[in-house]
Amino acid sequence: MAAADDVAPPTASAYLHPTYWDERFGKEEHYEWFKDFSHFRHLLAPLLSPSLSVLEVGCGNSRLGEELLREGVAGGITCVDLSPVAVQRMRDRLVEQGTHGVEVVVADMLDLPFEHESFDLVIEKGTMDVLFVDSGDPWNPNPTTVDNVMKMLEGIHRVLKPEGVFISITFGQPHFRRRFFEAPGFTWSVEYSTFGDGFHYFFYTLKKGKRSLESNSYQNVLPAAPKVNMFHEELESEDYIFRTNVEEL
């Protein structure tokens, strides 16, 4: 399915290469995937404290790092992105603002360059959704998608402190995400809320070391696929395509 200008959208592999993002961020000053902080502050603020060390995965040109500083987070905020252009532009912006307390690093979300148990809080906003572009049947994603999502989650679980919290803000519905979040080897509990008017975004809270027996059994009891055919294209002005395909109506 072509985009509005009849140019096919980038493939999943393009989204995992810095060239696509370098070109985009070279022209774009600011964009907030899945709404800005004000829309989910009521969900995130209760989890914040001054002593937290925070990692934002896939920062792009978001201003979430600065918002966390304004909320009083002073334990160190690290923002990473695959695009050197995005990272340099964010560094320049922080210098121009005279903002201290946010470190911006070029890094691959599938291979995070940090020591074990480095952060109290890890947050991603729309970053993991990129991995689901061209994933095929959402009830049975292709092996590449599964491998990449698991690499991302394993890295996040590794860099979280023993009682750390992972926040995932996404289009992904619980029946599609929980199979990944509750894979063997992860010790976090999984809870979620929603926010947004009209179309809802999902706000997942995963607390390391808090996994329940119910979570351990969930992976073996996936619900049956609904008989529906949906396309979400450029929802809420997001400019890549999220596809949910189920064969029969």
C-alpha atoms as a PDB file:
ATOM      1  CA  MET A   1       0.000   0.000   0.000  1.00  0.00           C
ATOM      2  CA  ALA A   2       1.595   3.268  -1.114  1.00  0.00           C
ATOM      3  CA  ALA A   3       1.779   6.449   0.899  1.00  0.00           C
ATOM      4  CA  ALA A   4      -0.316   9.474   0.020  1.00  0.00           C
ATOM      5  CA  ASP A   5       2.216  10.693  -2.555  1.00  0.00           C
ATOM      6  CA  ASP A   6       2.328   7.217  -4.181  1.00  0.00           C
ATOM      7  CA  VAL A   7       5.821   6.569  -2.853  1.00  0.00           C
ATOM      8  CA  ALA A   8       6.078   3.283  -0.970  1.00  0.00           C
ATOM      9  CA  PRO A   9       6.872   3.723   2.736  1.00  0.00           C
ATOM     10  CA  PRO A  10      10.265   2.587   4.030  1.00  0.00           C
ATOM     11  CA  THR A  11      10.643  -1.071   4.918  1.00  0.00           C
ATOM     12  CA  ALA A  12      11.391  -2.333   8.405  1.00  0.00           C
ATOM     13  CA  SER A  13      15.066  -2.764   7.500  1.00  0.00           C
ATOM     14  CA  ALA A  14      15.269   0.904   6.494  1.00  0.00           C
ATOM     15  CA  TYR A  15      14.038   1.955   9.931  1.00  0.00           C
ATOM     16  CA  LEU A  16      16.899  -0.012  11.505  1.00  0.00           C
ATOM     17  CA  HIS A  17      19.553   1.811   9.484  1.00  0.00           C
ATOM     18  CA  PRO A  18      20.807   5.267  10.537  1.00  0.00           C
ATOM     19  CA  THR A  19      20.639   6.640   6.967  1.00  0.00           C
ATOM     20  CA  TYR A  20      16.836   6.918   7.022  1.00  0.00           C
ATOM     21  CA  TRP A  21      16.851   8.712  10.369  1.00  0.00           C
ATOM     22  CA  ASP A  22      19.829  10.922   9.488  1.00  0.00           C
ATOM     23  CA  GLU A  23      17.923  12.213   6.467  1.00  0.00           C
ATOM     24  CA  ARG A  24      14.775  12.774   8.468  1.00  0.00           C
ATOM     25  CA  PHE A  25      16.382  14.425  11.488  1.00  0.00           C
ATOM     26  CA  GLY A  26      18.574  16.563   9.254  1.00  0.00           C
ATOM     27  CA  LYS A  27      15.417  18.380   8.173  1.00  0.00           C
ATOM     28  CA  GLU A  28      13.131  18.025  11.205  1.00  0.00           C
ATOM     29  CA  GLU A  29      13.538  20.142  14.333  1.00  0.00           C
ATOM     30  CA  HIS A  30      11.113  18.444  16.706  1.00  0.00           C
ATOM     31  CA  TYR A  31       8.569  15.652  16.650  1.00  0.00           C
ATOM     32  CA  GLU A  32       6.951  13.716  19.497  1.00  0.00           C
ATOM     33  CA  TRP A  33       5.987  10.148  18.687  1.00  0.00           C
ATOM     34  CA  PHE A  34       2.806   9.112  20.478  1.00  0.00           C
ATOM     35  CA  LYS A  35       2.135  12.505  22.048  1.00  0.00           C
ATOM     36  CA  ASP A  36       4.269  14.701  24.260  1.00  0.00           C
ATOM     37  CA  PHE A  37       4.899  14.399  27.983  1.00  0.00           C
ATOM     38  CA  SER A  38       1.841  16.411  28.973  1.00  0.00           C
ATOM     39  CA  HIS A  39      -0.454  13.647  27.687  1.00  0.00           C
ATOM     40  CA  PHE A  40       0.989  10.908  29.908  1.00  0.00           C
ATOM     41  CA  ARG A  41       2.508  12.920  32.759  1.00  0.00           C
ATOM     42  CA  HIS A  42      -0.197  11.633  35.114  1.00  0.00           C
ATOM     43  CA  LEU A  43       1.057   8.097  34.484  1.00  0.00           C
ATOM     44  CA  LEU A  44       4.813   8.699  34.512  1.00  0.00           C
ATOM     45  CA  ALA A  45       5.255  11.365  37.211  1.00  0.00           C
ATOM     46  CA  PRO A  46       4.310   9.042  40.124  1.00  0.00           C
ATOM     47  CA  LEU A  47       7.227   6.776  39.120  1.00  0.00           C
ATOM     48  CA  LEU A  48       9.805   9.579  39.178  1.00  0.00           C
ATOM     49  CA  SER A  49      12.099  10.713  41.982  1.00  0.00           C
ATOM     50  CA  PRO A  50      15.151  12.990  42.143  1.00  0.00           C
ATOM     51  CA  SER A  51      17.639  10.136  42.587  1.00  0.00           C
ATOM     52  CA  LEU A  52      16.620   8.139  39.496  1.00  0.00           C
ATOM     53  CA  SER A  53      19.044   7.331  36.697  1.00  0.00           C
ATOM     54  CA  VAL A  54      17.067   7.249  33.448  1.00  0.00           C
ATOM     55  CA  LEU A  55      17.701   5.842  29.965  1.00  0.00           C
ATOM     56  CA  GLU A  56      15.542   6.948  27.026  1.00  0.00           C
ATOM     57  CA  VAL A  57      15.826   4.506  24.104  1.00  0.00           C
ATOM     58  CA  GLY A  58      15.308   6.045  20.662  1.00  0.00           C
ATOM     59  CA  CYS A  59      15.161   9.718  21.640  1.00  0.00           C
ATOM     60  CA  GLY A  60      15.153  11.147  18.099  1.00  0.00           C
ATOM     61  CA  ASN A  61      14.427  14.868  18.447  1.00  0.00           C
ATOM     62  CA  SER A  62      12.009  14.442  21.352  1.00  0.00           C
ATOM     63  CA  ARG A  63      12.188  16.761  24.351  1.00  0.00           C
ATOM     64  CA  LEU A  64      11.277  14.100  26.884  1.00  0.00           C
ATOM     65  CA  GLY A  65      14.724  14.274  28.480  1.00  0.00           C
ATOM     66  CA  GLU A  66      14.288  17.968  29.247  1.00  0.00           C
ATOM     67  CA  GLU A  67      10.786  17.307  30.603  1.00  0.00           C
ATOM     68  CA  LEU A  68      12.190  14.738  33.011  1.00  0.00           C
ATOM     69  CA  LEU A  69      14.732  17.298  34.225  1.00  0.00           C
ATOM     70  CA  ARG A  70      11.905  19.735  34.870  1.00  0.00           C
ATOM     71  CA  GLU A  71      10.170  17.027  36.897  1.00  0.00           C
ATOM     72  CA  GLY A  72      13.197  16.980  39.184  1.00  0.00           C
ATOM     73  CA  VAL A  73      15.033  13.871  37.968  1.00  0.00           C
ATOM     74  CA  ALA A  74      18.662  14.483  38.926  1.00  0.00           C
ATOM     75  CA  GLY A  75      20.284  11.045  39.002  1.00  0.00           C
ATOM     76  CA  GLY A  76      21.406  11.279  35.394  1.00  0.00           C
ATOM     77  CA  ILE A  77      19.413  11.156  32.159  1.00  0.00           C
ATOM     78  CA  THR A  78      20.886   9.344  29.155  1.00  0.00           C
ATOM     79  CA  CYS A  79      19.201   9.575  25.752  1.00  0.00           C
ATOM     80  CA  VAL A  80      20.290   7.260  22.938  1.00  0.00           C
ATOM     81  CA  ASP A  81      19.520   7.118  19.239  1.00  0.00           C
ATOM     82  CA  LEU A  82      20.811   5.231  16.208  1.00  0.00           C
ATOM     83  CA  SER A  83      21.171   8.456  14.213  1.00  0.00           C
ATOM     84  CA  PRO A  84      24.362  10.494  14.689  1.00  0.00           C
ATOM     85  CA  VAL A  85      22.523  13.466  13.179  1.00  0.00           C
ATOM     86  CA  ALA A  86      19.736  13.273  15.768  1.00  0.00           C
ATOM     87  CA  VAL A  87      22.268  12.931  18.578  1.00  0.00           C
ATOM     88  CA  GLN A  88      24.379  15.899  17.461  1.00  0.00           C
ATOM     89  CA  ARG A  89      21.359  18.134  16.945  1.00  0.00           C
ATOM     90  CA  MET A  90      20.053  17.259  20.385  1.00  0.00           C
ATOM     91  CA  ARG A  91      23.464  17.969  21.913  1.00  0.00           C
ATOM     92  CA  ASP A  92      23.528  21.339  20.140  1.00  0.00           C
ATOM     93  CA  ARG A  93      20.034  22.158  21.391  1.00  0.00           C
ATOM     94  CA  LEU A  94      20.950  21.345  24.980  1.00  0.00           C
ATOM     95  CA  VAL A  95      24.065  23.552  24.768  1.00  0.00           C
ATOM     96  CA  GLU A  96      22.070  26.428  23.293  1.00  0.00           C
ATOM     97  CA  GLN A  97      19.547  26.112  26.127  1.00  0.00           C
ATOM     98  CA  GLY A  98      22.250  25.839  28.752  1.00  0.00           C
ATOM     99  CA  THR A  99      20.720  22.541  29.849  1.00  0.00           C
ATOM    100  CA  HIS A 100      22.854  20.235  31.988  1.00  0.00           C
ATOM    101  CA  GLY A 101      22.084  16.749  33.252  1.00  0.00           C
ATOM    102  CA  VAL A 102      21.209  15.063  29.939  1.00  0.00           C
ATOM    103  CA  GLU A 103      23.792  12.960  28.103  1.00  0.00           C
ATOM    104  CA  VAL A 104      23.074  12.053  24.469  1.00  0.00           C
ATOM    105  CA  VAL A 105      24.760   8.991  22.960  1.00  0.00           C
ATOM    106  CA  VAL A 106      24.789   7.267  19.575  1.00  0.00           C
ATOM    107  CA  ALA A 107      23.676   3.697  20.271  1.00  0.00           C
ATOM    108  CA  ASP A 108      21.727   0.820  18.743  1.00  0.00           C
ATOM    109  CA  MET A 109      18.652  -0.214  20.729  1.00  0.00           C
ATOM    110  CA  LEU A 110      19.451  -3.848  19.814  1.00  0.00           C
ATOM    111  CA  ASP A 111      22.928  -3.615  21.373  1.00  0.00           C
ATOM    112  CA  LEU A 112      22.895  -1.151  24.262  1.00  0.00           C
ATOM    113  CA  PRO A 113      26.467  -0.174  25.258  1.00  0.00           C
ATOM    114  CA  PHE A 114      25.911   0.000  29.016  1.00  0.00           C
ATOM    115  CA  GLU A 115      26.940  -2.113  31.983  1.00  0.00           C
ATOM    116  CA  HIS A 116      24.528  -4.503  33.691  1.00  0.00           C
ATOM    117  CA  GLU A 117      22.124  -2.867  36.137  1.00  0.00           C
ATOM    118  CA  SER A 118      22.993   0.720  35.178  1.00  0.00           C
ATOM    119  CA  PHE A 119      19.568   2.429  35.257  1.00  0.00           C
ATOM    120  CA  ASP A 120      16.612   2.798  37.598  1.00  0.00           C
ATOM    121  CA  LEU A 121      14.208   3.642  34.774  1.00  0.00           C
ATOM    122  CA  VAL A 122      14.246   2.867  31.051  1.00  0.00           C
ATOM    123  CA  ILE A 123      11.658   4.430  28.760  1.00  0.00           C
ATOM    124  CA  GLU A 124      10.846   4.006  25.088  1.00  0.00           C
ATOM    125  CA  LYS A 125       8.152   5.903  23.228  1.00  0.00           C
ATOM    126  CA  GLY A 126       7.296   4.476  19.812  1.00  0.00           C
ATOM    127  CA  THR A 127      10.771   2.982  19.386  1.00  0.00           C
ATOM    128  CA  MET A 128       9.809  -0.665  19.677  1.00  0.00           C
ATOM    129  CA  ASP A 129       6.895  -0.131  17.284  1.00  0.00           C
ATOM    130  CA  VAL A 130       9.434   0.403  14.498  1.00  0.00           C
ATOM    131  CA  LEU A 131      10.435  -3.247  14.867  1.00  0.00           C
ATOM    132  CA  PHE A 132       6.890  -4.337  14.053  1.00  0.00           C
ATOM    133  CA  VAL A 133       6.750  -2.614  10.665  1.00  0.00           C
ATOM    134  CA  ASP A 134       6.373  -5.346   7.996  1.00  0.00           C
ATOM    135  CA  SER A 135       6.159  -7.979  10.750  1.00  0.00           C
ATOM    136  CA  GLY A 136       3.465  -9.981   8.966  1.00  0.00           C
ATOM    137  CA  ASP A 137       0.662 -11.662  10.913  1.00  0.00           C
ATOM    138  CA  PRO A 138       0.591  -9.927  14.334  1.00  0.00           C
ATOM    139  CA  TRP A 139      -0.388 -13.233  15.940  1.00  0.00           C
ATOM    140  CA  ASN A 140       2.651 -14.913  14.407  1.00  0.00           C
ATOM    141  CA  PRO A 141       5.269 -12.232  13.561  1.00  0.00           C
ATOM    142  CA  ASN A 142       8.095 -13.175  11.249  1.00  0.00           C
ATOM    143  CA  PRO A 143      11.297 -14.543  12.846  1.00  0.00           C
ATOM    144  CA  THR A 144      13.299 -11.370  12.180  1.00  0.00           C
ATOM    145  CA  THR A 145      10.751  -9.282  14.069  1.00  0.00           C
ATOM    146  CA  VAL A 146      10.708 -11.709  16.972  1.00  0.00           C
ATOM    147  CA  ASP A 147      14.510 -11.815  17.147  1.00  0.00           C
ATOM    148  CA  ASN A 148      14.844  -8.021  17.084  1.00  0.00           C
ATOM    149  CA  VAL A 149      12.139  -7.401  19.674  1.00  0.00           C
ATOM    150  CA  MET A 150      13.706  -9.951  21.995  1.00  0.00           C
ATOM    151  CA  LYS A 151      17.175  -8.415  21.527  1.00  0.00           C
ATOM    152  CA  MET A 152      15.773  -5.026  22.471  1.00  0.00           C
ATOM    153  CA  LEU A 153      13.945  -6.327  25.546  1.00  0.00           C
ATOM    154  CA  GLU A 154      16.846  -8.482  26.704  1.00  0.00           C
ATOM    155  CA  GLY A 155      19.135  -5.457  26.521  1.00  0.00           C
ATOM    156  CA  ILE A 156      16.721  -3.298  28.485  1.00  0.00           C
ATOM    157  CA  HIS A 157      16.214  -6.010  31.116  1.00  0.00           C
ATOM    158  CA  ARG A 158      19.996  -6.340  31.413  1.00  0.00           C
ATOM    159  CA  VAL A 159      20.687  -2.625  31.997  1.00  0.00           C
ATOM    160  CA  LEU A 160      17.854  -2.198  34.502  1.00  0.00           C
ATOM    161  CA  LYS A 161      18.758  -2.283  38.175  1.00  0.00           C
ATOM    162  CA  PRO A 162      17.262  -5.158  40.227  1.00  0.00           C
ATOM    163  CA  GLU A 163      14.095  -3.222  41.084  1.00  0.00           C
ATOM    164  CA  GLY A 164      14.158  -0.945  38.044  1.00  0.00           C
ATOM    165  CA  VAL A 165      11.174   0.012  35.917  1.00  0.00           C
ATOM    166  CA  PHE A 166      10.753  -0.171  32.147  1.00  0.00           C
ATOM    167  CA  ILE A 167       8.126   2.069  30.519  1.00  0.00           C
ATOM    168  CA  SER A 168       6.922   1.264  26.999  1.00  0.00           C
ATOM    169  CA  ILE A 169       4.584   3.703  25.233  1.00  0.00           C
ATOM    170  CA  THR A 170       3.135   2.113  22.137  1.00  0.00           C
ATOM    171  CA  PHE A 171       0.306   1.371  19.737  1.00  0.00           C
ATOM    172  CA  GLY A 172       0.745  -2.309  20.625  1.00  0.00           C
ATOM    173  CA  GLN A 173      -2.244  -3.929  22.306  1.00  0.00           C
ATOM    174  CA  PRO A 174      -1.709  -6.229  25.311  1.00  0.00           C
ATOM    175  CA  HIS A 175      -2.565  -9.418  23.439  1.00  0.00           C
ATOM    176  CA  PHE A 176       0.253  -8.627  20.982  1.00  0.00           C
ATOM    177  CA  ARG A 177       2.842  -7.304  23.453  1.00  0.00           C
ATOM    178  CA  ARG A 178       2.526  -9.516  26.525  1.00  0.00           C
ATOM    179  CA  ARG A 179       3.925 -12.579  24.764  1.00  0.00           C
ATOM    180  CA  PHE A 180       7.188 -10.631  24.396  1.00  0.00           C
ATOM    181  CA  PHE A 181       7.159  -8.880  27.766  1.00  0.00           C
ATOM    182  CA  GLU A 182       6.428 -12.152  29.565  1.00  0.00           C
ATOM    183  CA  ALA A 183       8.953 -14.337  27.747  1.00  0.00           C
ATOM    184  CA  PRO A 184      11.040 -16.726  29.874  1.00  0.00           C
ATOM    185  CA  GLY A 185      14.012 -15.085  31.518  1.00  0.00           C
ATOM    186  CA  PHE A 186      12.335 -11.754  32.261  1.00  0.00           C
ATOM    187  CA  THR A 187      11.614 -11.061  35.925  1.00  0.00           C
ATOM    188  CA  TRP A 188       9.447  -7.980  35.526  1.00  0.00           C
ATOM    189  CA  SER A 189       5.745  -7.688  36.215  1.00  0.00           C
ATOM    190  CA  VAL A 190       3.541  -6.247  33.458  1.00  0.00           C
ATOM    191  CA  GLU A 191       0.808  -3.661  33.940  1.00  0.00           C
ATOM    192  CA  TYR A 192      -0.680  -1.185  31.498  1.00  0.00           C
ATOM    193  CA  SER A 193      -2.849   1.892  31.254  1.00  0.00           C
ATOM    194  CA  THR A 194      -4.131   3.850  28.275  1.00  0.00           C
ATOM    195  CA  PHE A 195      -4.194   7.533  27.385  1.00  0.00           C
ATOM    196  CA  GLY A 196      -5.386   9.649  24.503  1.00  0.00           C
ATOM    197  CA  ASP A 197      -8.708  10.914  23.163  1.00  0.00           C
ATOM    198  CA  GLY A 198     -10.405   8.894  20.464  1.00  0.00           C
ATOM    199  CA  PHE A 199      -7.427   6.658  19.705  1.00  0.00           C
ATOM    200  CA  HIS A 200      -5.741   5.164  22.746  1.00  0.00           C
ATOM    201  CA  TYR A 201      -2.039   4.648  23.272  1.00  0.00           C
ATOM    202  CA  PHE A 202      -0.799   1.999  25.684  1.00  0.00           C
ATOM    203  CA  PHE A 203       1.459   2.827  28.628  1.00  0.00           C
ATOM    204  CA  TYR A 204       3.129  -0.346  29.912  1.00  0.00           C
ATOM    205  CA  THR A 205       4.852  -0.433  33.304  1.00  0.00           C
ATOM    206  CA  LEU A 206       7.253  -3.344  33.791  1.00  0.00           C
ATOM    207  CA  LYS A 207       8.793  -3.674  37.254  1.00  0.00           C
ATOM    208  CA  LYS A 208      11.899  -5.842  37.402  1.00  0.00           C
ATOM    209  CA  GLY A 209      11.907  -8.544  40.062  1.00  0.00           C
ATOM    210  CA  LYS A 210       8.123  -8.386  40.507  1.00  0.00           C
ATOM    211  CA  ARG A 211       6.975 -11.114  38.113  1.00  0.00           C
ATOM    212  CA  SER A 212       3.947 -13.091  39.264  1.00  0.00           C
ATOM    213  CA  LEU A 213       3.000 -16.755  38.770  1.00  0.00           C
ATOM    214  CA  GLU A 214       0.171 -15.585  36.519  1.00  0.00           C
ATOM    215  CA  SER A 215       2.723 -13.936  34.226  1.00  0.00           C
ATOM    216  CA  ASN A 216       4.731 -17.164  34.066  1.00  0.00           C
ATOM    217  CA  SER A 217       1.770 -19.029  32.622  1.00  0.00           C
ATOM    218  CA  TYR A 218       0.475 -16.350  30.271  1.00  0.00           C
ATOM    219  CA  GLN A 219       2.841 -17.146  27.412  1.00  0.00           C
ATOM    220  CA  ASN A 220       1.188 -20.553  26.988  1.00  0.00           C
ATOM    221  CA  VAL A 221      -2.385 -19.240  26.967  1.00  0.00           C
ATOM    222  CA  LEU A 222      -2.580 -16.702  24.152  1.00  0.00           C
ATOM    223  CA  PRO A 223      -6.118 -15.638  23.174  1.00  0.00           C
ATOM    224  CA  ALA A 224      -7.579 -16.661  19.835  1.00  0.00           C
ATOM    225  CA  ALA A 225      -7.184 -14.229  16.947  1.00  0.00           C
ATOM    226  CA  PRO A 226     -10.251 -12.023  16.363  1.00  0.00           C
ATOM    227  CA  LYS A 227     -11.903 -12.125  12.953  1.00  0.00           C
ATOM    228  CA  VAL A 228     -11.071  -8.603  11.873  1.00  0.00           C
ATOM    229  CA  ASN A 229      -9.080  -6.858   9.173  1.00  0.00           C
ATOM    230  CA  MET A 230      -7.528  -3.507  10.133  1.00  0.00           C
ATOM    231  CA  PHE A 231      -5.068  -1.023   8.728  1.00  0.00           C
ATOM    232  CA  HIS A 232      -3.702   1.808  10.892  1.00  0.00           C
ATOM    233  CA  GLU A 233      -2.049   4.208   8.442  1.00  0.00           C
ATOM    234  CA  GLU A 234      -0.469   7.430   9.682  1.00  0.00           C
ATOM    235  CA  LEU A 235      -2.698   7.419  12.768  1.00  0.00           C
ATOM    236  CA  GLU A 236      -2.500  10.561  14.828  1.00  0.00           C
ATOM    237  CA  SER A 237      -0.048  11.989  12.257  1.00  0.00           C
ATOM    238  CA  GLU A 238       2.519   9.226  12.884  1.00  0.00           C
ATOM    239  CA  ASP A 239       4.236   8.877   9.534  1.00  0.00           C
ATOM    240  CA  TYR A 240       5.076   5.205   9.321  1.00  0.00           C
ATOM    241  CA  ILE A 241       2.546   2.444   8.787  1.00  0.00           C
ATOM    242  CA  PHE A 242       1.462   0.045  11.489  1.00  0.00           C
ATOM    243  CA  ARG A 243      -0.316  -2.902   9.950  1.00  0.00           C
ATOM    244  CA  THR A 244      -2.568  -5.404  11.648  1.00  0.00           C
ATOM    245  CA  ASN A 245      -3.640  -8.079   9.197  1.00  0.00           C
ATOM    246  CA  VAL A 246      -5.947 -10.934  10.032  1.00  0.00           C
ATOM    247  CA  GLU A 247      -7.242 -12.967   7.161  1.00  0.00           C
ATOM    248  CA  GLU A 248     -10.986 -13.333   7.592  1.00  0.00           C
ATOM    249  CA  LEU A 249     -13.618 -10.700   8.291  1.00  0.00           C
END
